[in-house]
Amino acid sequence: MEAGDEALEMVDSKDLQQQSKALDKLTDHVEDRQLDSSRVQTAMASIYASKEADLQAMRMREKELAAVKINAADIDIIANELEVDKKVAERTLREHKGDAVAAIRHLLN
């Protein structure tokens, strides 16, 4: 029976080694996920900061455009002649600092 016991011990030993390797893989995976979790948090914080910077830049651009003086007659002419919405005509005029010719050229291209 000693030969049977030795064979049983070898099988148990191999089984234990396999279980040990499986456990190591599992714990490694959990550690990797924890590391990835911190990376994700860092990436999300970076994305949030970038989004906030973009929103701030957009607000500043809108303030700059709102400060541009434009002629209401120019808006009407562009909207009627190019058949665009008055909001589009106004925005284009503001983007071109009130220059009607530059705004029309931009809309035609």
PDB file of N, CA and C in Angstrom:
ATOM      1  N   MET A   1       0.788  -1.189   0.000  1.00  0.00           N
ATOM      2  CA  MET A   1       0.000   0.000   0.000  1.00  0.00           C
ATOM      3  C   MET A   1       0.832   1.254   0.000  1.00  0.00           C
ATOM      4  N   GLU A   2       2.077   1.109   0.263  1.00  0.00           N
ATOM      5  CA  GLU A   2       2.951   2.264   0.254  1.00  0.00           C
ATOM      6  C   GLU A   2       3.058   2.845  -1.148  1.00  0.00           C
ATOM      7  N   ALA A   3       3.069   2.030  -2.162  1.00  0.00           N
ATOM      8  CA  ALA A   3       3.135   2.515  -3.533  1.00  0.00           C
ATOM      9  C   ALA A   3       1.874   3.296  -3.864  1.00  0.00           C
ATOM     10  N   GLY A   4       0.735   2.834  -3.394  1.00  0.00           N
ATOM     11  CA  GLY A   4      -0.533   3.535  -3.601  1.00  0.00           C
ATOM     12  C   GLY A   4      -0.544   4.859  -2.872  1.00  0.00           C
ATOM     13  N   ASP A   5       0.004   4.879  -1.664  1.00  0.00           N
ATOM     14  CA  ASP A   5       0.077   6.120  -0.897  1.00  0.00           C
ATOM     15  C   ASP A   5       0.981   7.134  -1.580  1.00  0.00           C
ATOM     16  N   GLU A   6       2.119   6.642  -2.120  1.00  0.00           N
ATOM     17  CA  GLU A   6       3.045   7.537  -2.817  1.00  0.00           C
ATOM     18  C   GLU A   6       2.378   8.097  -4.075  1.00  0.00           C
ATOM     19  N   ALA A   7       1.656   7.261  -4.792  1.00  0.00           N
ATOM     20  CA  ALA A   7       0.962   7.716  -5.997  1.00  0.00           C
ATOM     21  C   ALA A   7      -0.106   8.731  -5.615  1.00  0.00           C
ATOM     22  N   LEU A   8      -0.799   8.494  -4.517  1.00  0.00           N
ATOM     23  CA  LEU A   8      -1.826   9.408  -4.048  1.00  0.00           C
ATOM     24  C   LEU A   8      -1.210  10.738  -3.633  1.00  0.00           C
ATOM     25  N   GLU A   9      -0.067  10.664  -2.950  1.00  0.00           N
ATOM     26  CA  GLU A   9       0.636  11.883  -2.534  1.00  0.00           C
ATOM     27  C   GLU A   9       1.104  12.671  -3.752  1.00  0.00           C
ATOM     28  N   MET A  10       1.597  11.975  -4.802  1.00  0.00           N
ATOM     29  CA  MET A  10       2.056  12.660  -6.014  1.00  0.00           C
ATOM     30  C   MET A  10       0.880  13.341  -6.712  1.00  0.00           C
ATOM     31  N   VAL A  11      -0.265  12.652  -6.762  1.00  0.00           N
ATOM     32  CA  VAL A  11      -1.456  13.230  -7.375  1.00  0.00           C
ATOM     33  C   VAL A  11      -1.908  14.428  -6.558  1.00  0.00           C
ATOM     34  N   ASP A  12      -1.933  14.261  -5.224  1.00  0.00           N
ATOM     35  CA  ASP A  12      -2.311  15.369  -4.351  1.00  0.00           C
ATOM     36  C   ASP A  12      -1.328  16.524  -4.502  1.00  0.00           C
ATOM     37  N   SER A  13      -0.058  16.206  -4.616  1.00  0.00           N
ATOM     38  CA  SER A  13       0.971  17.234  -4.754  1.00  0.00           C
ATOM     39  C   SER A  13       0.779  18.000  -6.070  1.00  0.00           C
ATOM     40  N   LYS A  14       0.523  17.269  -7.168  1.00  0.00           N
ATOM     41  CA  LYS A  14       0.293  17.924  -8.453  1.00  0.00           C
ATOM     42  C   LYS A  14      -0.980  18.755  -8.408  1.00  0.00           C
ATOM     43  N   ASP A  15      -2.001  18.187  -7.782  1.00  0.00           N
ATOM     44  CA  ASP A  15      -3.271  18.898  -7.654  1.00  0.00           C
ATOM     45  C   ASP A  15      -3.080  20.170  -6.827  1.00  0.00           C
ATOM     46  N   LEU A  16      -2.321  20.072  -5.753  1.00  0.00           N
ATOM     47  CA  LEU A  16      -2.055  21.245  -4.919  1.00  0.00           C
ATOM     48  C   LEU A  16      -1.257  22.299  -5.680  1.00  0.00           C
ATOM     49  N   GLN A  17      -0.300  21.852  -6.491  1.00  0.00           N
ATOM     50  CA  GLN A  17       0.484  22.791  -7.293  1.00  0.00           C
ATOM     51  C   GLN A  17      -0.421  23.515  -8.297  1.00  0.00           C
ATOM     52  N   GLN A  18      -1.298  22.773  -8.926  1.00  0.00           N
ATOM     53  CA  GLN A  18      -2.214  23.384  -9.884  1.00  0.00           C
ATOM     54  C   GLN A  18      -3.148  24.377  -9.192  1.00  0.00           C
ATOM     55  N   GLN A  19      -3.642  23.981  -8.032  1.00  0.00           N
ATOM     56  CA  GLN A  19      -4.511  24.878  -7.271  1.00  0.00           C
ATOM     57  C   GLN A  19      -3.749  26.125  -6.833  1.00  0.00           C
ATOM     58  N   SER A  20      -2.510  25.929  -6.444  1.00  0.00           N
ATOM     59  CA  SER A  20      -1.674  27.059  -6.019  1.00  0.00           C
ATOM     60  C   SER A  20      -1.442  28.017  -7.191  1.00  0.00           C
ATOM     61  N   LYS A  21      -1.153  27.468  -8.358  1.00  0.00           N
ATOM     62  CA  LYS A  21      -0.955  28.309  -9.543  1.00  0.00           C
ATOM     63  C   LYS A  21      -2.234  29.056  -9.910  1.00  0.00           C
ATOM     64  N   ALA A  22      -3.354  28.352  -9.805  1.00  0.00           N
ATOM     65  CA  ALA A  22      -4.636  28.983 -10.114  1.00  0.00           C
ATOM     66  C   ALA A  22      -4.926  30.115  -9.138  1.00  0.00           C
ATOM     67  N   LEU A  23      -4.625  29.899  -7.878  1.00  0.00           N
ATOM     68  CA  LEU A  23      -4.832  30.937  -6.871  1.00  0.00           C
ATOM     69  C   LEU A  23      -3.912  32.138  -7.123  1.00  0.00           C
ATOM     70  N   ASP A  24      -2.667  31.842  -7.482  1.00  0.00           N
ATOM     71  CA  ASP A  24      -1.730  32.935  -7.792  1.00  0.00           C
ATOM     72  C   ASP A  24      -2.230  33.752  -8.974  1.00  0.00           C
ATOM     73  N   LYS A  25      -2.728  33.072 -10.000  1.00  0.00           N
ATOM     74  CA  LYS A  25      -3.257  33.791 -11.157  1.00  0.00           C
ATOM     75  C   LYS A  25      -4.431  34.670 -10.759  1.00  0.00           C
ATOM     76  N   LEU A  26      -5.279  34.149  -9.903  1.00  0.00           N
ATOM     77  CA  LEU A  26      -6.447  34.896  -9.460  1.00  0.00           C
ATOM     78  C   LEU A  26      -6.032  36.130  -8.672  1.00  0.00           C
ATOM     79  N   THR A  27      -5.108  35.970  -7.750  1.00  0.00           N
ATOM     80  CA  THR A  27      -4.685  37.119  -6.945  1.00  0.00           C
ATOM     81  C   THR A  27      -3.914  38.115  -7.792  1.00  0.00           C
ATOM     82  N   ASP A  28      -3.134  37.637  -8.754  1.00  0.00           N
ATOM     83  CA  ASP A  28      -2.440  38.549  -9.662  1.00  0.00           C
ATOM     84  C   ASP A  28      -3.454  39.360 -10.451  1.00  0.00           C
ATOM     85  N   HIS A  29      -4.495  38.694 -10.874  1.00  0.00           N
ATOM     86  CA  HIS A  29      -5.537  39.365 -11.649  1.00  0.00           C
ATOM     87  C   HIS A  29      -6.214  40.448 -10.811  1.00  0.00           C
ATOM     88  N   VAL A  30      -6.476  40.158  -9.562  1.00  0.00           N
ATOM     89  CA  VAL A  30      -7.106  41.137  -8.676  1.00  0.00           C
ATOM     90  C   VAL A  30      -6.178  42.320  -8.471  1.00  0.00           C
ATOM     91  N   GLU A  31      -4.884  42.063  -8.271  1.00  0.00           N
ATOM     92  CA  GLU A  31      -3.929  43.153  -8.103  1.00  0.00           C
ATOM     93  C   GLU A  31      -3.849  43.996  -9.371  1.00  0.00           C
ATOM     94  N   ASP A  32      -3.846  43.342 -10.534  1.00  0.00           N
ATOM     95  CA  ASP A  32      -3.822  44.070 -11.797  1.00  0.00           C
ATOM     96  C   ASP A  32      -5.064  44.941 -11.935  1.00  0.00           C
ATOM     97  N   ARG A  33      -6.203  44.411 -11.524  1.00  0.00           N
ATOM     98  CA  ARG A  33      -7.440  45.182 -11.620  1.00  0.00           C
ATOM     99  C   ARG A  33      -7.389  46.389 -10.696  1.00  0.00           C
ATOM    100  N   GLN A  34      -6.781  46.230  -9.522  1.00  0.00           N
ATOM    101  CA  GLN A  34      -6.668  47.345  -8.600  1.00  0.00           C
ATOM    102  C   GLN A  34      -5.757  48.413  -9.196  1.00  0.00           C
ATOM    103  N   LEU A  35      -4.676  47.981  -9.813  1.00  0.00           N
ATOM    104  CA  LEU A  35      -3.792  48.944 -10.466  1.00  0.00           C
ATOM    105  C   LEU A  35      -4.516  49.628 -11.619  1.00  0.00           C
ATOM    106  N   ASP A  36      -5.252  48.854 -12.396  1.00  0.00           N
ATOM    107  CA  ASP A  36      -6.006  49.423 -13.509  1.00  0.00           C
ATOM    108  C   ASP A  36      -7.073  50.385 -12.990  1.00  0.00           C
ATOM    109  N   SER A  37      -7.628  50.098 -11.846  1.00  0.00           N
ATOM    110  CA  SER A  37      -8.633  50.977 -11.260  1.00  0.00           C
ATOM    111  C   SER A  37      -8.042  52.348 -10.958  1.00  0.00           C
ATOM    112  N   SER A  38      -6.838  52.363 -10.418  1.00  0.00           N
ATOM    113  CA  SER A  38      -6.208  53.661 -10.137  1.00  0.00           C
ATOM    114  C   SER A  38      -5.865  54.385 -11.432  1.00  0.00           C
ATOM    115  N   ARG A  39      -5.483  53.643 -12.439  1.00  0.00           N
ATOM    116  CA  ARG A  39      -5.201  54.261 -13.742  1.00  0.00           C
ATOM    117  C   ARG A  39      -6.469  54.854 -14.339  1.00  0.00           C
ATOM    118  N   VAL A  40      -7.554  54.134 -14.184  1.00  0.00           N
ATOM    119  CA  VAL A  40      -8.835  54.622 -14.707  1.00  0.00           C
ATOM    120  C   VAL A  40      -9.234  55.903 -13.980  1.00  0.00           C
ATOM    121  N   GLN A  41      -9.072  55.925 -12.676  1.00  0.00           N
ATOM    122  CA  GLN A  41      -9.410  57.123 -11.916  1.00  0.00           C
ATOM    123  C   GLN A  41      -8.558  58.303 -12.351  1.00  0.00           C
ATOM    124  N   THR A  42      -7.276  58.067 -12.581  1.00  0.00           N
ATOM    125  CA  THR A  42      -6.388  59.125 -13.051  1.00  0.00           C
ATOM    126  C   THR A  42      -6.812  59.613 -14.433  1.00  0.00           C
ATOM    127  N   ALA A  43      -7.137  58.661 -15.302  1.00  0.00           N
ATOM    128  CA  ALA A  43      -7.568  59.027 -16.655  1.00  0.00           C
ATOM    129  C   ALA A  43      -8.878  59.803 -16.623  1.00  0.00           C
ATOM    130  N   MET A  44      -9.810  59.379 -15.782  1.00  0.00           N
ATOM    131  CA  MET A  44     -11.090  60.082 -15.677  1.00  0.00           C
ATOM    132  C   MET A  44     -10.896  61.499 -15.140  1.00  0.00           C
ATOM    133  N   ALA A  45     -10.001  61.658 -14.173  1.00  0.00           N
ATOM    134  CA  ALA A  45      -9.722  62.993 -13.639  1.00  0.00           C
ATOM    135  C   ALA A  45      -9.118  63.878 -14.727  1.00  0.00           C
ATOM    136  N   SER A  46      -8.258  63.298 -15.533  1.00  0.00           N
ATOM    137  CA  SER A  46      -7.648  64.043 -16.636  1.00  0.00           C
ATOM    138  C   SER A  46      -8.694  64.444 -17.675  1.00  0.00           C
ATOM    139  N   ILE A  47      -9.581  63.529 -17.993  1.00  0.00           N
ATOM    140  CA  ILE A  47     -10.646  63.827 -18.959  1.00  0.00           C
ATOM    141  C   ILE A  47     -11.552  64.924 -18.417  1.00  0.00           C
ATOM    142  N   TYR A  48     -11.883  64.839 -17.147  1.00  0.00           N
ATOM    143  CA  TYR A  48     -12.750  65.851 -16.527  1.00  0.00           C
ATOM    144  C   TYR A  48     -12.077  67.225 -16.572  1.00  0.00           C
ATOM    145  N   ALA A  49     -10.792  67.265 -16.243  1.00  0.00           N
ATOM    146  CA  ALA A  49     -10.065  68.535 -16.267  1.00  0.00           C
ATOM    147  C   ALA A  49     -10.015  69.096 -17.688  1.00  0.00           C
ATOM    148  N   SER A  50      -9.810  68.228 -18.657  1.00  0.00           N
ATOM    149  CA  SER A  50      -9.779  68.655 -20.055  1.00  0.00           C
ATOM    150  C   SER A  50     -11.138  69.193 -20.490  1.00  0.00           C
ATOM    151  N   LYS A  51     -12.193  68.521 -20.072  1.00  0.00           N
ATOM    152  CA  LYS A  51     -13.544  68.959 -20.418  1.00  0.00           C
ATOM    153  C   LYS A  51     -13.838  70.321 -19.805  1.00  0.00           C
ATOM    154  N   GLU A  52     -13.436  70.503 -18.560  1.00  0.00           N
ATOM    155  CA  GLU A  52     -13.641  71.788 -17.890  1.00  0.00           C
ATOM    156  C   GLU A  52     -12.868  72.892 -18.608  1.00  0.00           C
ATOM    157  N   ALA A  53     -11.639  72.594 -19.028  1.00  0.00           N
ATOM    158  CA  ALA A  53     -10.839  73.582 -19.757  1.00  0.00           C
ATOM    159  C   ALA A  53     -11.505  73.936 -21.088  1.00  0.00           C
ATOM    160  N   ASP A  54     -12.049  72.926 -21.769  1.00  0.00           N
ATOM    161  CA  ASP A  54     -12.743  73.169 -23.034  1.00  0.00           C
ATOM    162  C   ASP A  54     -13.981  74.039 -22.826  1.00  0.00           C
ATOM    163  N   LEU A  55     -14.739  73.746 -21.767  1.00  0.00           N
ATOM    164  CA  LEU A  55     -15.935  74.549 -21.470  1.00  0.00           C
ATOM    165  C   LEU A  55     -15.560  75.991 -21.146  1.00  0.00           C
ATOM    166  N   GLN A  56     -14.496  76.163 -20.397  1.00  0.00           N
ATOM    167  CA  GLN A  56     -14.036  77.515 -20.049  1.00  0.00           C
ATOM    168  C   GLN A  56     -13.608  78.263 -21.307  1.00  0.00           C
ATOM    169  N   ALA A  57     -12.899  77.591 -22.194  1.00  0.00           N
ATOM    170  CA  ALA A  57     -12.471  78.220 -23.446  1.00  0.00           C
ATOM    171  C   ALA A  57     -13.673  78.593 -24.304  1.00  0.00           C
ATOM    172  N   MET A  58     -14.685  77.724 -24.329  1.00  0.00           N
ATOM    173  CA  MET A  58     -15.889  78.004 -25.107  1.00  0.00           C
ATOM    174  C   MET A  58     -16.621  79.223 -24.538  1.00  0.00           C
ATOM    175  N   ARG A  59     -16.694  79.292 -23.208  1.00  0.00           N
ATOM    176  CA  ARG A  59     -17.347  80.454 -22.583  1.00  0.00           C
ATOM    177  C   ARG A  59     -16.605  81.747 -22.929  1.00  0.00           C
ATOM    178  N   MET A  60     -15.288  81.696 -22.883  1.00  0.00           N
ATOM    179  CA  MET A  60     -14.489  82.881 -23.216  1.00  0.00           C
ATOM    180  C   MET A  60     -14.716  83.279 -24.679  1.00  0.00           C
ATOM    181  N   ARG A  61     -14.776  82.299 -25.575  1.00  0.00           N
ATOM    182  CA  ARG A  61     -14.998  82.576 -26.999  1.00  0.00           C
ATOM    183  C   ARG A  61     -16.368  83.219 -27.201  1.00  0.00           C
ATOM    184  N   GLU A  62     -17.387  82.710 -26.504  1.00  0.00           N
ATOM    185  CA  GLU A  62     -18.734  83.277 -26.621  1.00  0.00           C
ATOM    186  C   GLU A  62     -18.766  84.716 -26.114  1.00  0.00           C
ATOM    187  N   LYS A  63     -18.026  85.010 -25.051  1.00  0.00           N
ATOM    188  CA  LYS A  63     -17.955  86.384 -24.539  1.00  0.00           C
ATOM    189  C   LYS A  63     -17.289  87.296 -25.558  1.00  0.00           C
ATOM    190  N   GLU A  64     -16.212  86.803 -26.184  1.00  0.00           N
ATOM    191  CA  GLU A  64     -15.526  87.597 -27.211  1.00  0.00           C
ATOM    192  C   GLU A  64     -16.458  87.882 -28.382  1.00  0.00           C
ATOM    193  N   LEU A  65     -17.184  86.861 -28.824  1.00  0.00           N
ATOM    194  CA  LEU A  65     -18.096  87.051 -29.959  1.00  0.00           C
ATOM    195  C   LEU A  65     -19.247  87.987 -29.600  1.00  0.00           C
ATOM    196  N   ALA A  66     -19.728  87.891 -28.369  1.00  0.00           N
ATOM    197  CA  ALA A  66     -20.831  88.762 -27.952  1.00  0.00           C
ATOM    198  C   ALA A  66     -20.400  90.225 -27.912  1.00  0.00           C
ATOM    199  N   ALA A  67     -19.124  90.484 -27.711  1.00  0.00           N
ATOM    200  CA  ALA A  67     -18.626  91.852 -27.632  1.00  0.00           C
ATOM    201  C   ALA A  67     -18.454  92.500 -29.012  1.00  0.00           C
ATOM    202  N   VAL A  68     -18.493  91.704 -30.079  1.00  0.00           N
ATOM    203  CA  VAL A  68     -18.312  92.235 -31.436  1.00  0.00           C
ATOM    204  C   VAL A  68     -19.566  92.999 -31.843  1.00  0.00           C
ATOM    205  N   LYS A  69     -19.368  94.226 -32.308  1.00  0.00           N
ATOM    206  CA  LYS A  69     -20.481  95.055 -32.800  1.00  0.00           C
ATOM    207  C   LYS A  69     -20.795  94.659 -34.232  1.00  0.00           C
ATOM    208  N   ILE A  70     -22.077  94.375 -34.475  1.00  0.00           N
ATOM    209  CA  ILE A  70     -22.500  94.024 -35.832  1.00  0.00           C
ATOM    210  C   ILE A  70     -23.722  94.850 -36.195  1.00  0.00           C
ATOM    211  N   ASN A  71     -23.927  94.993 -37.473  1.00  0.00           N
ATOM    212  CA  ASN A  71     -25.037  95.766 -38.005  1.00  0.00           C
ATOM    213  C   ASN A  71     -26.214  94.824 -38.256  1.00  0.00           C
ATOM    214  N   ALA A  72     -27.385  95.168 -37.731  1.00  0.00           N
ATOM    215  CA  ALA A  72     -28.575  94.333 -37.908  1.00  0.00           C
ATOM    216  C   ALA A  72     -28.962  94.219 -39.385  1.00  0.00           C
ATOM    217  N   ALA A  73     -28.709  95.279 -40.155  1.00  0.00           N
ATOM    218  CA  ALA A  73     -29.018  95.239 -41.588  1.00  0.00           C
ATOM    219  C   ALA A  73     -28.157  94.191 -42.290  1.00  0.00           C
ATOM    220  N   ASP A  74     -26.904  94.053 -41.856  1.00  0.00           N
ATOM    221  CA  ASP A  74     -26.015  93.039 -42.445  1.00  0.00           C
ATOM    222  C   ASP A  74     -26.560  91.634 -42.192  1.00  0.00           C
ATOM    223  N   ILE A  75     -27.093  91.420 -40.996  1.00  0.00           N
ATOM    224  CA  ILE A  75     -27.670  90.114 -40.672  1.00  0.00           C
ATOM    225  C   ILE A  75     -28.834  89.820 -41.614  1.00  0.00           C
ATOM    226  N   ASP A  76     -29.713  90.789 -41.790  1.00  0.00           N
ATOM    227  CA  ASP A  76     -30.872  90.595 -42.659  1.00  0.00           C
ATOM    228  C   ASP A  76     -30.458  90.342 -44.098  1.00  0.00           C
ATOM    229  N   ILE A  77     -29.496  91.105 -44.575  1.00  0.00           N
ATOM    230  CA  ILE A  77     -29.049  90.937 -45.969  1.00  0.00           C
ATOM    231  C   ILE A  77     -28.462  89.544 -46.183  1.00  0.00           C
ATOM    232  N   ILE A  78     -27.571  89.142 -45.286  1.00  0.00           N
ATOM    233  CA  ILE A  78     -26.936  87.816 -45.424  1.00  0.00           C
ATOM    234  C   ILE A  78     -27.983  86.715 -45.323  1.00  0.00           C
ATOM    235  N   ALA A  79     -28.876  86.819 -44.357  1.00  0.00           N
ATOM    236  CA  ALA A  79     -29.895  85.781 -44.165  1.00  0.00           C
ATOM    237  C   ALA A  79     -30.812  85.681 -45.386  1.00  0.00           C
ATOM    238  N   ASN A  80     -31.215  86.824 -45.945  1.00  0.00           N
ATOM    239  CA  ASN A  80     -32.132  86.802 -47.088  1.00  0.00           C
ATOM    240  C   ASN A  80     -31.442  86.394 -48.380  1.00  0.00           C
ATOM    241  N   GLU A  81     -30.280  86.938 -48.641  1.00  0.00           N
ATOM    242  CA  GLU A  81     -29.613  86.677 -49.915  1.00  0.00           C
ATOM    243  C   GLU A  81     -29.010  85.271 -49.988  1.00  0.00           C
ATOM    244  N   LEU A  82     -28.478  84.778 -48.879  1.00  0.00           N
ATOM    245  CA  LEU A  82     -27.855  83.449 -48.899  1.00  0.00           C
ATOM    246  C   LEU A  82     -28.794  82.350 -48.395  1.00  0.00           C
ATOM    247  N   GLU A  83     -30.003  82.771 -48.026  1.00  0.00           N
ATOM    248  CA  GLU A  83     -31.017  81.843 -47.545  1.00  0.00           C
ATOM    249  C   GLU A  83     -30.499  80.971 -46.396  1.00  0.00           C
ATOM    250  N   VAL A  84     -29.964  81.664 -45.394  1.00  0.00           N
ATOM    251  CA  VAL A  84     -29.527  80.991 -44.170  1.00  0.00           C
ATOM    252  C   VAL A  84     -30.328  81.558 -43.005  1.00  0.00           C
ATOM    253  N   ASP A  85     -30.314  80.851 -41.910  1.00  0.00           N
ATOM    254  CA  ASP A  85     -31.001  81.292 -40.707  1.00  0.00           C
ATOM    255  C   ASP A  85     -30.325  82.559 -40.172  1.00  0.00           C
ATOM    256  N   LYS A  86     -31.098  83.430 -39.558  1.00  0.00           N
ATOM    257  CA  LYS A  86     -30.542  84.678 -39.017  1.00  0.00           C
ATOM    258  C   LYS A  86     -29.497  84.404 -37.938  1.00  0.00           C
ATOM    259  N   LYS A  87     -29.684  83.324 -37.182  1.00  0.00           N
ATOM    260  CA  LYS A  87     -28.690  82.973 -36.156  1.00  0.00           C
ATOM    261  C   LYS A  87     -27.350  82.610 -36.792  1.00  0.00           C
ATOM    262  N   VAL A  88     -27.418  81.891 -37.907  1.00  0.00           N
ATOM    263  CA  VAL A  88     -26.195  81.518 -38.628  1.00  0.00           C
ATOM    264  C   VAL A  88     -25.529  82.771 -39.181  1.00  0.00           C
ATOM    265  N   ALA A  89     -26.328  83.654 -39.758  1.00  0.00           N
ATOM    266  CA  ALA A  89     -25.787  84.897 -40.318  1.00  0.00           C
ATOM    267  C   ALA A  89     -25.143  85.737 -39.211  1.00  0.00           C
ATOM    268  N   GLU A  90     -25.811  85.848 -38.072  1.00  0.00           N
ATOM    269  CA  GLU A  90     -25.264  86.637 -36.968  1.00  0.00           C
ATOM    270  C   GLU A  90     -23.971  86.023 -36.439  1.00  0.00           C
ATOM    271  N   ARG A  91     -23.966  84.723 -36.248  1.00  0.00           N
ATOM    272  CA  ARG A  91     -22.776  84.044 -35.726  1.00  0.00           C
ATOM    273  C   ARG A  91     -21.593  84.226 -36.675  1.00  0.00           C
ATOM    274  N   THR A  92     -21.849  84.057 -37.969  1.00  0.00           N
ATOM    275  CA  THR A  92     -20.774  84.201 -38.956  1.00  0.00           C
ATOM    276  C   THR A  92     -20.252  85.631 -38.982  1.00  0.00           C
ATOM    277  N   LEU A  93     -21.155  86.588 -38.891  1.00  0.00           N
ATOM    278  CA  LEU A  93     -20.715  87.988 -38.836  1.00  0.00           C
ATOM    279  C   LEU A  93     -19.849  88.238 -37.597  1.00  0.00           C
ATOM    280  N   ARG A  94     -20.263  87.725 -36.472  1.00  0.00           N
ATOM    281  CA  ARG A  94     -19.483  87.919 -35.238  1.00  0.00           C
ATOM    282  C   ARG A  94     -18.116  87.246 -35.346  1.00  0.00           C
ATOM    283  N   GLU A  95     -18.080  86.065 -35.943  1.00  0.00           N
ATOM    284  CA  GLU A  95     -16.804  85.363 -36.099  1.00  0.00           C
ATOM    285  C   GLU A  95     -15.852  86.114 -37.026  1.00  0.00           C
ATOM    286  N   HIS A  96     -16.405  86.919 -37.926  1.00  0.00           N
ATOM    287  CA  HIS A  96     -15.579  87.695 -38.851  1.00  0.00           C
ATOM    288  C   HIS A  96     -15.516  89.165 -38.440  1.00  0.00           C
ATOM    289  N   LYS A  97     -15.724  89.408 -37.159  1.00  0.00           N
ATOM    290  CA  LYS A  97     -15.584  90.742 -36.557  1.00  0.00           C
ATOM    291  C   LYS A  97     -16.449  91.796 -37.227  1.00  0.00           C
ATOM    292  N   GLY A  98     -17.635  91.382 -37.691  1.00  0.00           N
ATOM    293  CA  GLY A  98     -18.572  92.317 -38.287  1.00  0.00           C
ATOM    294  C   GLY A  98     -18.327  92.607 -39.752  1.00  0.00           C
ATOM    295  N   ASP A  99     -17.334  91.986 -40.348  1.00  0.00           N
ATOM    296  CA  ASP A  99     -17.011  92.195 -41.762  1.00  0.00           C
ATOM    297  C   ASP A  99     -17.974  91.367 -42.614  1.00  0.00           C
ATOM    298  N   ALA A 100     -18.944  92.044 -43.240  1.00  0.00           N
ATOM    299  CA  ALA A 100     -19.986  91.364 -44.004  1.00  0.00           C
ATOM    300  C   ALA A 100     -19.411  90.634 -45.219  1.00  0.00           C
ATOM    301  N   VAL A 101     -18.453  91.247 -45.884  1.00  0.00           N
ATOM    302  CA  VAL A 101     -17.868  90.614 -47.078  1.00  0.00           C
ATOM    303  C   VAL A 101     -17.170  89.311 -46.701  1.00  0.00           C
ATOM    304  N   ALA A 102     -16.384  89.328 -45.633  1.00  0.00           N
ATOM    305  CA  ALA A 102     -15.681  88.117 -45.191  1.00  0.00           C
ATOM    306  C   ALA A 102     -16.678  87.045 -44.744  1.00  0.00           C
ATOM    307  N   ALA A 103     -17.751  87.464 -44.093  1.00  0.00           N
ATOM    308  CA  ALA A 103     -18.769  86.514 -43.645  1.00  0.00           C
ATOM    309  C   ALA A 103     -19.463  85.857 -44.834  1.00  0.00           C
ATOM    310  N   ILE A 104     -19.790  86.651 -45.850  1.00  0.00           N
ATOM    311  CA  ILE A 104     -20.436  86.115 -47.051  1.00  0.00           C
ATOM    312  C   ILE A 104     -19.502  85.143 -47.761  1.00  0.00           C
ATOM    313  N   ARG A 105     -18.246  85.520 -47.893  1.00  0.00           N
ATOM    314  CA  ARG A 105     -17.264  84.632 -48.550  1.00  0.00           C
ATOM    315  C   ARG A 105     -17.170  83.304 -47.780  1.00  0.00           C
ATOM    316  N   HIS A 106     -17.142  83.397 -46.481  1.00  0.00           N
ATOM    317  CA  HIS A 106     -17.061  82.179 -45.676  1.00  0.00           C
ATOM    318  C   HIS A 106     -18.285  81.293 -45.902  1.00  0.00           C
ATOM    319  N   LEU A 107     -19.455  81.882 -45.932  1.00  0.00           N
ATOM    320  CA  LEU A 107     -20.673  81.096 -46.123  1.00  0.00           C
ATOM    321  C   LEU A 107     -20.778  80.516 -47.538  1.00  0.00           C
ATOM    322  N   LEU A 108     -20.215  81.191 -48.510  1.00  0.00           N
ATOM    323  CA  LEU A 108     -20.261  80.698 -49.876  1.00  0.00           C
ATOM    324  C   LEU A 108     -19.266  79.561 -50.114  1.00  0.00           C
ATOM    325  N   ASN A 109     -18.217  79.510 -49.350  1.00  0.00           N
ATOM    326  CA  ASN A 109     -17.214  78.451 -49.534  1.00  0.00           C
ATOM    327  C   ASN A 109     -17.551  77.294 -48.735  1.00  0.00           C
TER     328      ASN A 109
END
